[in-house]
Amino acid sequence: MRVWTVLARPPSERKAPRTLLVRDGFSWGALLFPTLWFLSKGLIALAAMHAAAVAAIAALLPPAAAPLLLAGVQLFIGLEARNLQGWWLGLKGFRPEAVLVARDEDAAFLNLASFRPDLARAAV
């Protein structure tokens, strides 16, 4: 079973309400290709920060130490990428509404629709 966080953006004058399901847990894509993973999720600023951090580590540290620190950074991103995604969405006006447990995203959506149909309608 997987854990999903329901993030909702309330309606405003310029934007319609929107609901997103963000899965919690480890991300292999973020571990192996963090910049691409950030870009695929629309997290452009985080992708730029990651690229800048990698460039700074490679330029400032000795060649023997840089790979170890880069491996640690990659592991951290693999563990925390989905939390970073939720944090970034929070900066864009989304707020956590619920936590669901389901085997996949479709089952999580059905769980959401059964107890919060208002949020489920905004997710479509």
PDB file of N, CA and C in Angstrom:
ATOM      1  N   MET A   1       0.840  -1.182   0.000  1.00  0.00           N
ATOM      2  CA  MET A   1       0.000   0.000   0.000  1.00  0.00           C
ATOM      3  C   MET A   1       0.885   1.244   0.000  1.00  0.00           C
ATOM      4  N   ARG A   2       0.413   2.257  -0.682  1.00  0.00           N
ATOM      5  CA  ARG A   2       1.149   3.509  -0.769  1.00  0.00           C
ATOM      6  C   ARG A   2       0.359   4.618  -0.098  1.00  0.00           C
ATOM      7  N   VAL A   3       1.080   5.629   0.327  1.00  0.00           N
ATOM      8  CA  VAL A   3       0.473   6.775   0.987  1.00  0.00           C
ATOM      9  C   VAL A   3       0.450   7.933   0.003  1.00  0.00           C
ATOM     10  N   TRP A   4      -0.690   8.601  -0.080  1.00  0.00           N
ATOM     11  CA  TRP A   4      -0.886   9.727  -0.992  1.00  0.00           C
ATOM     12  C   TRP A   4      -1.317  10.939  -0.185  1.00  0.00           C
ATOM     13  N   THR A   5      -0.758  12.087  -0.495  1.00  0.00           N
ATOM     14  CA  THR A   5      -1.180  13.338   0.114  1.00  0.00           C
ATOM     15  C   THR A   5      -2.052  14.076  -0.887  1.00  0.00           C
ATOM     16  N   VAL A   6      -3.197  14.523  -0.437  1.00  0.00           N
ATOM     17  CA  VAL A   6      -4.116  15.288  -1.286  1.00  0.00           C
ATOM     18  C   VAL A   6      -3.824  16.764  -1.057  1.00  0.00           C
ATOM     19  N   LEU A   7      -3.417  17.442  -2.116  1.00  0.00           N
ATOM     20  CA  LEU A   7      -3.155  18.880  -2.060  1.00  0.00           C
ATOM     21  C   LEU A   7      -4.198  19.600  -2.885  1.00  0.00           C
ATOM     22  N   ALA A   8      -4.792  20.634  -2.312  1.00  0.00           N
ATOM     23  CA  ALA A   8      -5.854  21.367  -3.006  1.00  0.00           C
ATOM     24  C   ALA A   8      -5.525  22.848  -3.046  1.00  0.00           C
ATOM     25  N   ARG A   9      -5.828  23.450  -4.193  1.00  0.00           N
ATOM     26  CA  ARG A   9      -5.709  24.900  -4.331  1.00  0.00           C
ATOM     27  C   ARG A   9      -7.127  25.456  -4.356  1.00  0.00           C
ATOM     28  N   PRO A  10      -7.456  26.321  -3.409  1.00  0.00           N
ATOM     29  CA  PRO A  10      -8.804  26.873  -3.391  1.00  0.00           C
ATOM     30  C   PRO A  10      -9.029  27.790  -4.591  1.00  0.00           C
ATOM     31  N   PRO A  11     -10.278  28.013  -4.958  1.00  0.00           N
ATOM     32  CA  PRO A  11     -10.539  28.892  -6.097  1.00  0.00           C
ATOM     33  C   PRO A  11     -10.147  30.331  -5.771  1.00  0.00           C
ATOM     34  N   SER A  12      -9.698  31.024  -6.790  1.00  0.00           N
ATOM     35  CA  SER A  12      -9.387  32.445  -6.649  1.00  0.00           C
ATOM     36  C   SER A  12      -9.990  33.180  -7.831  1.00  0.00           C
ATOM     37  N   GLU A  13      -9.733  34.454  -7.909  1.00  0.00           N
ATOM     38  CA  GLU A  13     -10.305  35.240  -9.001  1.00  0.00           C
ATOM     39  C   GLU A  13      -9.761  34.802 -10.350  1.00  0.00           C
ATOM     40  N   ARG A  14      -8.494  34.378 -10.380  1.00  0.00           N
ATOM     41  CA  ARG A  14      -7.856  34.034 -11.652  1.00  0.00           C
ATOM     42  C   ARG A  14      -7.759  32.542 -11.918  1.00  0.00           C
ATOM     43  N   LYS A  15      -7.845  31.707 -10.884  1.00  0.00           N
ATOM     44  CA  LYS A  15      -7.625  30.273 -11.059  1.00  0.00           C
ATOM     45  C   LYS A  15      -8.781  29.471 -10.502  1.00  0.00           C
ATOM     46  N   ALA A  16      -9.090  28.400 -11.207  1.00  0.00           N
ATOM     47  CA  ALA A  16     -10.127  27.474 -10.746  1.00  0.00           C
ATOM     48  C   ALA A  16      -9.549  26.587  -9.651  1.00  0.00           C
ATOM     49  N   PRO A  17     -10.408  25.982  -8.822  1.00  0.00           N
ATOM     50  CA  PRO A  17      -9.890  25.061  -7.810  1.00  0.00           C
ATOM     51  C   PRO A  17      -9.217  23.865  -8.477  1.00  0.00           C
ATOM     52  N   ARG A  18      -8.220  23.326  -7.820  1.00  0.00           N
ATOM     53  CA  ARG A  18      -7.508  22.178  -8.374  1.00  0.00           C
ATOM     54  C   ARG A  18      -7.052  21.283  -7.232  1.00  0.00           C
ATOM     55  N   THR A  19      -7.091  19.987  -7.472  1.00  0.00           N
ATOM     56  CA  THR A  19      -6.658  19.005  -6.487  1.00  0.00           C
ATOM     57  C   THR A  19      -5.625  18.094  -7.131  1.00  0.00           C
ATOM     58  N   LEU A  20      -4.554  17.825  -6.401  1.00  0.00           N
ATOM     59  CA  LEU A  20      -3.499  16.930  -6.873  1.00  0.00           C
ATOM     60  C   LEU A  20      -3.252  15.846  -5.839  1.00  0.00           C
ATOM     61  N   LEU A  21      -2.907  14.661  -6.322  1.00  0.00           N
ATOM     62  CA  LEU A  21      -2.486  13.565  -5.455  1.00  0.00           C
ATOM     63  C   LEU A  21      -0.977  13.420  -5.608  1.00  0.00           C
ATOM     64  N   VAL A  22      -0.251  13.516  -4.500  1.00  0.00           N
ATOM     65  CA  VAL A  22       1.201  13.371  -4.514  1.00  0.00           C
ATOM     66  C   VAL A  22       1.552  12.164  -3.659  1.00  0.00           C
ATOM     67  N   ARG A  23       2.224  11.191  -4.277  1.00  0.00           N
ATOM     68  CA  ARG A  23       2.596   9.974  -3.560  1.00  0.00           C
ATOM     69  C   ARG A  23       3.774  10.256  -2.649  1.00  0.00           C
ATOM     70  N   ASP A  24       3.714   9.745  -1.442  1.00  0.00           N
ATOM     71  CA  ASP A  24       4.820   9.858  -0.504  1.00  0.00           C
ATOM     72  C   ASP A  24       5.774   8.688  -0.728  1.00  0.00           C
ATOM     73  N   GLY A  25       7.005   8.885  -0.338  1.00  0.00           N
ATOM     74  CA  GLY A  25       7.961   7.789  -0.395  1.00  0.00           C
ATOM     75  C   GLY A  25       9.119   8.045  -1.340  1.00  0.00           C
ATOM     76  N   PHE A  26       9.949   7.032  -1.468  1.00  0.00           N
ATOM     77  CA  PHE A  26      11.170   7.099  -2.249  1.00  0.00           C
ATOM     78  C   PHE A  26      10.862   7.215  -3.737  1.00  0.00           C
ATOM     79  N   SER A  27      11.697   7.956  -4.461  1.00  0.00           N
ATOM     80  CA  SER A  27      11.531   8.112  -5.904  1.00  0.00           C
ATOM     81  C   SER A  27      12.813   7.700  -6.619  1.00  0.00           C
ATOM     82  N   TRP A  28      12.738   6.597  -7.361  1.00  0.00           N
ATOM     83  CA  TRP A  28      13.902   6.148  -8.124  1.00  0.00           C
ATOM     84  C   TRP A  28      14.251   7.138  -9.221  1.00  0.00           C
ATOM     85  N   GLY A  29      13.260   7.717  -9.854  1.00  0.00           N
ATOM     86  CA  GLY A  29      13.521   8.698 -10.910  1.00  0.00           C
ATOM     87  C   GLY A  29      14.268   9.903 -10.383  1.00  0.00           C
ATOM     88  N   ALA A  30      13.887  10.365  -9.203  1.00  0.00           N
ATOM     89  CA  ALA A  30      14.567  11.514  -8.601  1.00  0.00           C
ATOM     90  C   ALA A  30      15.970  11.148  -8.147  1.00  0.00           C
ATOM     91  N   LEU A  31      16.186   9.907  -7.737  1.00  0.00           N
ATOM     92  CA  LEU A  31      17.529   9.468  -7.342  1.00  0.00           C
ATOM     93  C   LEU A  31      18.457   9.417  -8.546  1.00  0.00           C
ATOM     94  N   LEU A  32      17.984   8.846  -9.644  1.00  0.00           N
ATOM     95  CA  LEU A  32      18.851   8.629 -10.801  1.00  0.00           C
ATOM     96  C   LEU A  32      18.985   9.852 -11.706  1.00  0.00           C
ATOM     97  N   PHE A  33      17.898  10.594 -11.903  1.00  0.00           N
ATOM     98  CA  PHE A  33      17.894  11.750 -12.811  1.00  0.00           C
ATOM     99  C   PHE A  33      17.164  12.919 -12.161  1.00  0.00           C
ATOM    100  N   PRO A  34      17.721  13.512 -11.112  1.00  0.00           N
ATOM    101  CA  PRO A  34      16.967  14.519 -10.357  1.00  0.00           C
ATOM    102  C   PRO A  34      16.555  15.741 -11.164  1.00  0.00           C
ATOM    103  N   THR A  35      17.444  16.266 -11.986  1.00  0.00           N
ATOM    104  CA  THR A  35      17.082  17.462 -12.746  1.00  0.00           C
ATOM    105  C   THR A  35      15.926  17.167 -13.689  1.00  0.00           C
ATOM    106  N   LEU A  36      15.987  16.044 -14.376  1.00  0.00           N
ATOM    107  CA  LEU A  36      14.887  15.674 -15.282  1.00  0.00           C
ATOM    108  C   LEU A  36      13.601  15.397 -14.513  1.00  0.00           C
ATOM    109  N   TRP A  37      13.714  14.768 -13.337  1.00  0.00           N
ATOM    110  CA  TRP A  37      12.530  14.486 -12.536  1.00  0.00           C
ATOM    111  C   TRP A  37      11.872  15.793 -12.102  1.00  0.00           C
ATOM    112  N   PHE A  38      12.683  16.755 -11.621  1.00  0.00           N
ATOM    113  CA  PHE A  38      12.139  18.044 -11.221  1.00  0.00           C
ATOM    114  C   PHE A  38      11.460  18.732 -12.400  1.00  0.00           C
ATOM    115  N   LEU A  39      12.101  18.713 -13.565  1.00  0.00           N
ATOM    116  CA  LEU A  39      11.504  19.355 -14.747  1.00  0.00           C
ATOM    117  C   LEU A  39      10.206  18.671 -15.166  1.00  0.00           C
ATOM    118  N   SER A  40      10.147  17.345 -15.058  1.00  0.00           N
ATOM    119  CA  SER A  40       8.930  16.629 -15.450  1.00  0.00           C
ATOM    120  C   SER A  40       7.758  16.939 -14.526  1.00  0.00           C
ATOM    121  N   LYS A  41       8.041  17.349 -13.303  1.00  0.00           N
ATOM    122  CA  LYS A  41       6.994  17.699 -12.351  1.00  0.00           C
ATOM    123  C   LYS A  41       6.706  19.202 -12.336  1.00  0.00           C
ATOM    124  N   GLY A  42       7.385  19.956 -13.201  1.00  0.00           N
ATOM    125  CA  GLY A  42       7.162  21.397 -13.265  1.00  0.00           C
ATOM    126  C   GLY A  42       7.882  22.175 -12.185  1.00  0.00           C
ATOM    127  N   LEU A  43       8.893  21.581 -11.583  1.00  0.00           N
ATOM    128  CA  LEU A  43       9.639  22.213 -10.505  1.00  0.00           C
ATOM    129  C   LEU A  43      10.920  22.826 -11.069  1.00  0.00           C
ATOM    130  N   ILE A  44      10.756  23.845 -11.884  1.00  0.00           N
ATOM    131  CA  ILE A  44      11.869  24.418 -12.636  1.00  0.00           C
ATOM    132  C   ILE A  44      12.911  25.028 -11.709  1.00  0.00           C
ATOM    133  N   ALA A  45      12.494  25.740 -10.687  1.00  0.00           N
ATOM    134  CA  ALA A  45      13.450  26.364  -9.763  1.00  0.00           C
ATOM    135  C   ALA A  45      14.266  25.304  -9.026  1.00  0.00           C
ATOM    136  N   LEU A  46      13.650  24.207  -8.629  1.00  0.00           N
ATOM    137  CA  LEU A  46      14.392  23.142  -7.948  1.00  0.00           C
ATOM    138  C   LEU A  46      15.368  22.461  -8.900  1.00  0.00           C
ATOM    139  N   ALA A  47      14.981  22.309 -10.162  1.00  0.00           N
ATOM    140  CA  ALA A  47      15.899  21.747 -11.154  1.00  0.00           C
ATOM    141  C   ALA A  47      17.109  22.659 -11.331  1.00  0.00           C
ATOM    142  N   ALA A  48      16.878  23.955 -11.386  1.00  0.00           N
ATOM    143  CA  ALA A  48      17.985  24.904 -11.532  1.00  0.00           C
ATOM    144  C   ALA A  48      18.880  24.892 -10.293  1.00  0.00           C
ATOM    145  N   MET A  49      18.268  24.804  -9.101  1.00  0.00           N
ATOM    146  CA  MET A  49      19.074  24.746  -7.876  1.00  0.00           C
ATOM    147  C   MET A  49      19.913  23.471  -7.827  1.00  0.00           C
ATOM    148  N   HIS A  50      19.336  22.357  -8.267  1.00  0.00           N
ATOM    149  CA  HIS A  50      20.098  21.106  -8.285  1.00  0.00           C
ATOM    150  C   HIS A  50      21.259  21.208  -9.256  1.00  0.00           C
ATOM    151  N   ALA A  51      21.018  21.720 -10.455  1.00  0.00           N
ATOM    152  CA  ALA A  51      22.094  21.848 -11.439  1.00  0.00           C
ATOM    153  C   ALA A  51      23.196  22.782 -10.923  1.00  0.00           C
ATOM    154  N   ALA A  52      22.813  23.870 -10.273  1.00  0.00           N
ATOM    155  CA  ALA A  52      23.804  24.799  -9.717  1.00  0.00           C
ATOM    156  C   ALA A  52      24.588  24.153  -8.582  1.00  0.00           C
ATOM    157  N   ALA A  53      23.922  23.380  -7.738  1.00  0.00           N
ATOM    158  CA  ALA A  53      24.611  22.711  -6.633  1.00  0.00           C
ATOM    159  C   ALA A  53      25.612  21.683  -7.156  1.00  0.00           C
ATOM    160  N   VAL A  54      25.221  20.920  -8.174  1.00  0.00           N
ATOM    161  CA  VAL A  54      26.131  19.930  -8.759  1.00  0.00           C
ATOM    162  C   VAL A  54      27.339  20.630  -9.366  1.00  0.00           C
ATOM    163  N   ALA A  55      27.103  21.725 -10.074  1.00  0.00           N
ATOM    164  CA  ALA A  55      28.213  22.465 -10.683  1.00  0.00           C
ATOM    165  C   ALA A  55      29.135  23.035  -9.607  1.00  0.00           C
ATOM    166  N   ALA A  56      28.579  23.561  -8.533  1.00  0.00           N
ATOM    167  CA  ALA A  56      29.397  24.127  -7.457  1.00  0.00           C
ATOM    168  C   ALA A  56      30.205  23.043  -6.750  1.00  0.00           C
ATOM    169  N   ILE A  57      29.583  21.905  -6.485  1.00  0.00           N
ATOM    170  CA  ILE A  57      30.296  20.804  -5.826  1.00  0.00           C
ATOM    171  C   ILE A  57      31.444  20.323  -6.710  1.00  0.00           C
ATOM    172  N   ALA A  58      31.170  20.169  -8.005  1.00  0.00           N
ATOM    173  CA  ALA A  58      32.211  19.699  -8.916  1.00  0.00           C
ATOM    174  C   ALA A  58      33.353  20.699  -9.041  1.00  0.00           C
ATOM    175  N   ALA A  59      33.040  21.984  -8.972  1.00  0.00           N
ATOM    176  CA  ALA A  59      34.075  23.008  -9.146  1.00  0.00           C
ATOM    177  C   ALA A  59      34.868  23.273  -7.871  1.00  0.00           C
ATOM    178  N   LEU A  60      34.234  23.170  -6.712  1.00  0.00           N
ATOM    179  CA  LEU A  60      34.886  23.602  -5.478  1.00  0.00           C
ATOM    180  C   LEU A  60      35.552  22.490  -4.667  1.00  0.00           C
ATOM    181  N   LEU A  61      35.066  21.281  -4.811  1.00  0.00           N
ATOM    182  CA  LEU A  61      35.630  20.190  -4.002  1.00  0.00           C
ATOM    183  C   LEU A  61      36.724  19.455  -4.753  1.00  0.00           C
ATOM    184  N   PRO A  62      37.641  18.829  -4.023  1.00  0.00           N
ATOM    185  CA  PRO A  62      38.662  18.017  -4.687  1.00  0.00           C
ATOM    186  C   PRO A  62      38.020  16.825  -5.405  1.00  0.00           C
ATOM    187  N   PRO A  63      38.654  16.363  -6.465  1.00  0.00           N
ATOM    188  CA  PRO A  63      38.071  15.262  -7.255  1.00  0.00           C
ATOM    189  C   PRO A  63      37.769  13.995  -6.454  1.00  0.00           C
ATOM    190  N   ALA A  64      38.470  13.758  -5.359  1.00  0.00           N
ATOM    191  CA  ALA A  64      38.210  12.544  -4.563  1.00  0.00           C
ATOM    192  C   ALA A  64      36.959  12.694  -3.696  1.00  0.00           C
ATOM    193  N   ALA A  65      36.634  13.918  -3.285  1.00  0.00           N
ATOM    194  CA  ALA A  65      35.506  14.130  -2.377  1.00  0.00           C
ATOM    195  C   ALA A  65      34.197  14.422  -3.108  1.00  0.00           C
ATOM    196  N   ALA A  66      34.277  14.981  -4.299  1.00  0.00           N
ATOM    197  CA  ALA A  66      33.056  15.388  -5.018  1.00  0.00           C
ATOM    198  C   ALA A  66      32.091  14.225  -5.267  1.00  0.00           C
ATOM    199  N   PRO A  67      32.563  13.069  -5.751  1.00  0.00           N
ATOM    200  CA  PRO A  67      31.604  11.976  -5.996  1.00  0.00           C
ATOM    201  C   PRO A  67      30.869  11.512  -4.737  1.00  0.00           C
ATOM    202  N   LEU A  68      31.559  11.525  -3.595  1.00  0.00           N
ATOM    203  CA  LEU A  68      30.903  11.101  -2.352  1.00  0.00           C
ATOM    204  C   LEU A  68      29.799  12.073  -1.950  1.00  0.00           C
ATOM    205  N   LEU A  69      30.079  13.367  -2.044  1.00  0.00           N
ATOM    206  CA  LEU A  69      29.065  14.349  -1.696  1.00  0.00           C
ATOM    207  C   LEU A  69      27.918  14.330  -2.702  1.00  0.00           C
ATOM    208  N   LEU A  70      28.227  14.167  -3.978  1.00  0.00           N
ATOM    209  CA  LEU A  70      27.172  14.087  -4.996  1.00  0.00           C
ATOM    210  C   LEU A  70      26.284  12.864  -4.771  1.00  0.00           C
ATOM    211  N   ALA A  71      26.883  11.741  -4.374  1.00  0.00           N
ATOM    212  CA  ALA A  71      26.080  10.543  -4.079  1.00  0.00           C
ATOM    213  C   ALA A  71      25.153  10.805  -2.898  1.00  0.00           C
ATOM    214  N   GLY A  72      25.646  11.518  -1.884  1.00  0.00           N
ATOM    215  CA  GLY A  72      24.794  11.871  -0.744  1.00  0.00           C
ATOM    216  C   GLY A  72      23.662  12.798  -1.135  1.00  0.00           C
ATOM    217  N   VAL A  73      23.958  13.762  -1.989  1.00  0.00           N
ATOM    218  CA  VAL A  73      22.914  14.687  -2.468  1.00  0.00           C
ATOM    219  C   VAL A  73      21.865  13.918  -3.259  1.00  0.00           C
ATOM    220  N   GLN A  74      22.308  13.017  -4.138  1.00  0.00           N
ATOM    221  CA  GLN A  74      21.362  12.227  -4.940  1.00  0.00           C
ATOM    222  C   GLN A  74      20.478  11.356  -4.043  1.00  0.00           C
ATOM    223  N   LEU A  75      21.067  10.745  -3.026  1.00  0.00           N
ATOM    224  CA  LEU A  75      20.284   9.914  -2.101  1.00  0.00           C
ATOM    225  C   LEU A  75      19.262  10.765  -1.354  1.00  0.00           C
ATOM    226  N   PHE A  76      19.688  11.922  -0.882  1.00  0.00           N
ATOM    227  CA  PHE A  76      18.767  12.829  -0.198  1.00  0.00           C
ATOM    228  C   PHE A  76      17.598  13.209  -1.113  1.00  0.00           C
ATOM    229  N   ILE A  77      17.903  13.526  -2.360  1.00  0.00           N
ATOM    230  CA  ILE A  77      16.838  13.903  -3.299  1.00  0.00           C
ATOM    231  C   ILE A  77      15.909  12.725  -3.551  1.00  0.00           C
ATOM    232  N   GLY A  78      16.448  11.517  -3.691  1.00  0.00           N
ATOM    233  CA  GLY A  78      15.594  10.346  -3.874  1.00  0.00           C
ATOM    234  C   GLY A  78      14.642  10.137  -2.709  1.00  0.00           C
ATOM    235  N   LEU A  79      15.126  10.413  -1.503  1.00  0.00           N
ATOM    236  CA  LEU A  79      14.296  10.235  -0.309  1.00  0.00           C
ATOM    237  C   LEU A  79      13.289  11.374  -0.120  1.00  0.00           C
ATOM    238  N   GLU A  80      13.653  12.577  -0.490  1.00  0.00           N
ATOM    239  CA  GLU A  80      12.836  13.748  -0.173  1.00  0.00           C
ATOM    240  C   GLU A  80      12.192  14.444  -1.367  1.00  0.00           C
ATOM    241  N   ALA A  81      12.329  13.920  -2.565  1.00  0.00           N
ATOM    242  CA  ALA A  81      11.831  14.610  -3.754  1.00  0.00           C
ATOM    243  C   ALA A  81      10.326  14.859  -3.695  1.00  0.00           C
ATOM    244  N   ARG A  82       9.571  13.900  -3.239  1.00  0.00           N
ATOM    245  CA  ARG A  82       8.113  14.081  -3.199  1.00  0.00           C
ATOM    246  C   ARG A  82       7.714  15.088  -2.116  1.00  0.00           C
ATOM    247  N   ASN A  83       8.474  15.150  -1.028  1.00  0.00           N
ATOM    248  CA  ASN A  83       8.222  16.197  -0.033  1.00  0.00           C
ATOM    249  C   ASN A  83       8.581  17.564  -0.584  1.00  0.00           C
ATOM    250  N   LEU A  84       9.659  17.637  -1.360  1.00  0.00           N
ATOM    251  CA  LEU A  84      10.013  18.898  -2.009  1.00  0.00           C
ATOM    252  C   LEU A  84       8.933  19.328  -2.991  1.00  0.00           C
ATOM    253  N   GLN A  85       8.342  18.355  -3.688  1.00  0.00           N
ATOM    254  CA  GLN A  85       7.247  18.664  -4.602  1.00  0.00           C
ATOM    255  C   GLN A  85       6.059  19.233  -3.833  1.00  0.00           C
ATOM    256  N   GLY A  86       5.703  18.619  -2.713  1.00  0.00           N
ATOM    257  CA  GLY A  86       4.604  19.136  -1.893  1.00  0.00           C
ATOM    258  C   GLY A  86       4.913  20.517  -1.335  1.00  0.00           C
ATOM    259  N   TRP A  87       6.160  20.736  -0.922  1.00  0.00           N
ATOM    260  CA  TRP A  87       6.566  22.047  -0.422  1.00  0.00           C
ATOM    261  C   TRP A  87       6.433  23.101  -1.512  1.00  0.00           C
ATOM    262  N   TRP A  88       6.898  22.776  -2.720  1.00  0.00           N
ATOM    263  CA  TRP A  88       6.825  23.723  -3.829  1.00  0.00           C
ATOM    264  C   TRP A  88       5.364  24.043  -4.180  1.00  0.00           C
ATOM    265  N   LEU A  89       4.524  23.025  -4.189  1.00  0.00           N
ATOM    266  CA  LEU A  89       3.103  23.258  -4.459  1.00  0.00           C
ATOM    267  C   LEU A  89       2.477  24.115  -3.369  1.00  0.00           C
ATOM    268  N   GLY A  90       2.938  23.947  -2.122  1.00  0.00           N
ATOM    269  CA  GLY A  90       2.466  24.798  -1.034  1.00  0.00           C
ATOM    270  C   GLY A  90       2.807  26.256  -1.275  1.00  0.00           C
ATOM    271  N   LEU A  91       3.971  26.515  -1.844  1.00  0.00           N
ATOM    272  CA  LEU A  91       4.345  27.888  -2.189  1.00  0.00           C
ATOM    273  C   LEU A  91       3.457  28.450  -3.294  1.00  0.00           C
ATOM    274  N   LYS A  92       2.890  27.575  -4.106  1.00  0.00           N
ATOM    275  CA  LYS A  92       2.025  28.002  -5.206  1.00  0.00           C
ATOM    276  C   LYS A  92       0.550  28.068  -4.798  1.00  0.00           C
ATOM    277  N   GLY A  93       0.261  27.926  -3.513  1.00  0.00           N
ATOM    278  CA  GLY A  93      -1.099  28.084  -3.030  1.00  0.00           C
ATOM    279  C   GLY A  93      -1.836  26.801  -2.703  1.00  0.00           C
ATOM    280  N   PHE A  94      -1.235  25.647  -2.922  1.00  0.00           N
ATOM    281  CA  PHE A  94      -1.868  24.380  -2.573  1.00  0.00           C
ATOM    282  C   PHE A  94      -1.699  24.144  -1.075  1.00  0.00           C
ATOM    283  N   ARG A  95      -2.697  23.498  -0.492  1.00  0.00           N
ATOM    284  CA  ARG A  95      -2.596  23.161   0.929  1.00  0.00           C
ATOM    285  C   ARG A  95      -3.011  21.698   1.119  1.00  0.00           C
ATOM    286  N   PRO A  96      -2.401  21.018   2.086  1.00  0.00           N
ATOM    287  CA  PRO A  96      -2.756  19.618   2.316  1.00  0.00           C
ATOM    288  C   PRO A  96      -4.170  19.500   2.869  1.00  0.00           C
ATOM    289  N   GLU A  97      -4.936  18.607   2.284  1.00  0.00           N
ATOM    290  CA  GLU A  97      -6.325  18.406   2.695  1.00  0.00           C
ATOM    291  C   GLU A  97      -6.569  17.040   3.319  1.00  0.00           C
ATOM    292  N   ALA A  98      -5.838  16.033   2.866  1.00  0.00           N
ATOM    293  CA  ALA A  98      -6.077  14.680   3.369  1.00  0.00           C
ATOM    294  C   ALA A  98      -4.864  13.810   3.065  1.00  0.00           C
ATOM    295  N   VAL A  99      -4.812  12.673   3.747  1.00  0.00           N
ATOM    296  CA  VAL A  99      -3.805  11.653   3.479  1.00  0.00           C
ATOM    297  C   VAL A  99      -4.566  10.358   3.220  1.00  0.00           C
ATOM    298  N   LEU A 100      -4.219   9.693   2.127  1.00  0.00           N
ATOM    299  CA  LEU A 100      -4.913   8.477   1.725  1.00  0.00           C
ATOM    300  C   LEU A 100      -3.932   7.315   1.661  1.00  0.00           C
ATOM    301  N   VAL A 101      -4.441   6.119   1.848  1.00  0.00           N
ATOM    302  CA  VAL A 101      -3.649   4.909   1.672  1.00  0.00           C
ATOM    303  C   VAL A 101      -4.354   4.069   0.614  1.00  0.00           C
ATOM    304  N   ALA A 102      -3.612   3.747  -0.437  1.00  0.00           N
ATOM    305  CA  ALA A 102      -4.188   2.971  -1.544  1.00  0.00           C
ATOM    306  C   ALA A 102      -3.068   2.280  -2.295  1.00  0.00           C
ATOM    307  N   ARG A 103      -3.420   1.300  -3.123  1.00  0.00           N
ATOM    308  CA  ARG A 103      -2.396   0.555  -3.856  1.00  0.00           C
ATOM    309  C   ARG A 103      -1.870   1.313  -5.067  1.00  0.00           C
ATOM    310  N   ASP A 104      -2.691   2.200  -5.664  1.00  0.00           N
ATOM    311  CA  ASP A 104      -2.235   2.996  -6.798  1.00  0.00           C
ATOM    312  C   ASP A 104      -3.016   4.310  -6.841  1.00  0.00           C
ATOM    313  N   GLU A 105      -2.703   5.154  -7.819  1.00  0.00           N
ATOM    314  CA  GLU A 105      -3.327   6.472  -7.883  1.00  0.00           C
ATOM    315  C   GLU A 105      -4.827   6.388  -8.161  1.00  0.00           C
ATOM    316  N   ASP A 106      -5.251   5.435  -8.969  1.00  0.00           N
ATOM    317  CA  ASP A 106      -6.679   5.289  -9.249  1.00  0.00           C
ATOM    318  C   ASP A 106      -7.464   4.921  -8.001  1.00  0.00           C
ATOM    319  N   ALA A 107      -6.928   3.983  -7.217  1.00  0.00           N
ATOM    320  CA  ALA A 107      -7.602   3.601  -5.974  1.00  0.00           C
ATOM    321  C   ALA A 107      -7.610   4.767  -4.988  1.00  0.00           C
ATOM    322  N   ALA A 108      -6.521   5.550  -4.964  1.00  0.00           N
ATOM    323  CA  ALA A 108      -6.489   6.725  -4.089  1.00  0.00           C
ATOM    324  C   ALA A 108      -7.549   7.733  -4.516  1.00  0.00           C
ATOM    325  N   PHE A 109      -7.710   7.914  -5.819  1.00  0.00           N
ATOM    326  CA  PHE A 109      -8.741   8.828  -6.309  1.00  0.00           C
ATOM    327  C   PHE A 109     -10.138   8.343  -5.931  1.00  0.00           C
ATOM    328  N   LEU A 110     -10.377   7.045  -6.028  1.00  0.00           N
ATOM    329  CA  LEU A 110     -11.685   6.511  -5.642  1.00  0.00           C
ATOM    330  C   LEU A 110     -11.932   6.695  -4.146  1.00  0.00           C
ATOM    331  N   ASN A 111     -10.885   6.509  -3.332  1.00  0.00           N
ATOM    332  CA  ASN A 111     -11.029   6.762  -1.895  1.00  0.00           C
ATOM    333  C   ASN A 111     -11.367   8.224  -1.642  1.00  0.00           C
ATOM    334  N   LEU A 112     -10.685   9.111  -2.349  1.00  0.00           N
ATOM    335  CA  LEU A 112     -10.955  10.534  -2.208  1.00  0.00           C
ATOM    336  C   LEU A 112     -12.385  10.861  -2.616  1.00  0.00           C
ATOM    337  N   ALA A 113     -12.842  10.283  -3.713  1.00  0.00           N
ATOM    338  CA  ALA A 113     -14.194  10.550  -4.190  1.00  0.00           C
ATOM    339  C   ALA A 113     -15.258  10.045  -3.225  1.00  0.00           C
ATOM    340  N   SER A 114     -14.943   9.001  -2.462  1.00  0.00           N
ATOM    341  CA  SER A 114     -15.937   8.452  -1.549  1.00  0.00           C
ATOM    342  C   SER A 114     -16.137   9.306  -0.303  1.00  0.00           C
ATOM    343  N   PHE A 115     -15.078  10.003   0.146  1.00  0.00           N
ATOM    344  CA  PHE A 115     -15.284  10.796   1.362  1.00  0.00           C
ATOM    345  C   PHE A 115     -15.149  12.297   1.153  1.00  0.00           C
ATOM    346  N   ARG A 116     -14.594  12.756   0.045  1.00  0.00           N
ATOM    347  CA  ARG A 116     -14.523  14.188  -0.260  1.00  0.00           C
ATOM    348  C   ARG A 116     -14.812  14.403  -1.743  1.00  0.00           C
ATOM    349  N   PRO A 117     -16.067  14.255  -2.163  1.00  0.00           N
ATOM    350  CA  PRO A 117     -16.379  14.411  -3.584  1.00  0.00           C
ATOM    351  C   PRO A 117     -16.060  15.803  -4.121  1.00  0.00           C
ATOM    352  N   ASP A 118     -16.081  16.810  -3.256  1.00  0.00           N
ATOM    353  CA  ASP A 118     -15.749  18.158  -3.717  1.00  0.00           C
ATOM    354  C   ASP A 118     -14.295  18.245  -4.191  1.00  0.00           C
ATOM    355  N   LEU A 119     -13.386  17.593  -3.480  1.00  0.00           N
ATOM    356  CA  LEU A 119     -11.979  17.578  -3.884  1.00  0.00           C
ATOM    357  C   LEU A 119     -11.778  16.710  -5.123  1.00  0.00           C
ATOM    358  N   ALA A 120     -12.519  15.617  -5.203  1.00  0.00           N
ATOM    359  CA  ALA A 120     -12.390  14.725  -6.357  1.00  0.00           C
ATOM    360  C   ALA A 120     -12.832  15.415  -7.638  1.00  0.00           C
ATOM    361  N   ARG A 121     -13.872  16.231  -7.560  1.00  0.00           N
ATOM    362  CA  ARG A 121     -14.317  16.963  -8.760  1.00  0.00           C
ATOM    363  C   ARG A 121     -13.255  17.939  -9.236  1.00  0.00           C
ATOM    364  N   ALA A 122     -12.518  18.549  -8.318  1.00  0.00           N
ATOM    365  CA  ALA A 122     -11.464  19.494  -8.697  1.00  0.00           C
ATOM    366  C   ALA A 122     -10.225  18.772  -9.226  1.00  0.00           C
ATOM    367  N   ALA A 123     -10.131  17.468  -8.990  1.00  0.00           N
ATOM    368  CA  ALA A 123      -8.969  16.713  -9.452  1.00  0.00           C
ATOM    369  C   ALA A 123      -9.106  16.275 -10.905  1.00  0.00           C
ATOM    370  N   VAL A 124     -10.296  16.329 -11.432  1.00  0.00           N
ATOM    371  CA  VAL A 124     -10.514  15.844 -12.794  1.00  0.00           C
ATOM    372  C   VAL A 124     -10.146  16.886 -13.808  1.00  0.00           C
TER     373      VAL A 124
END
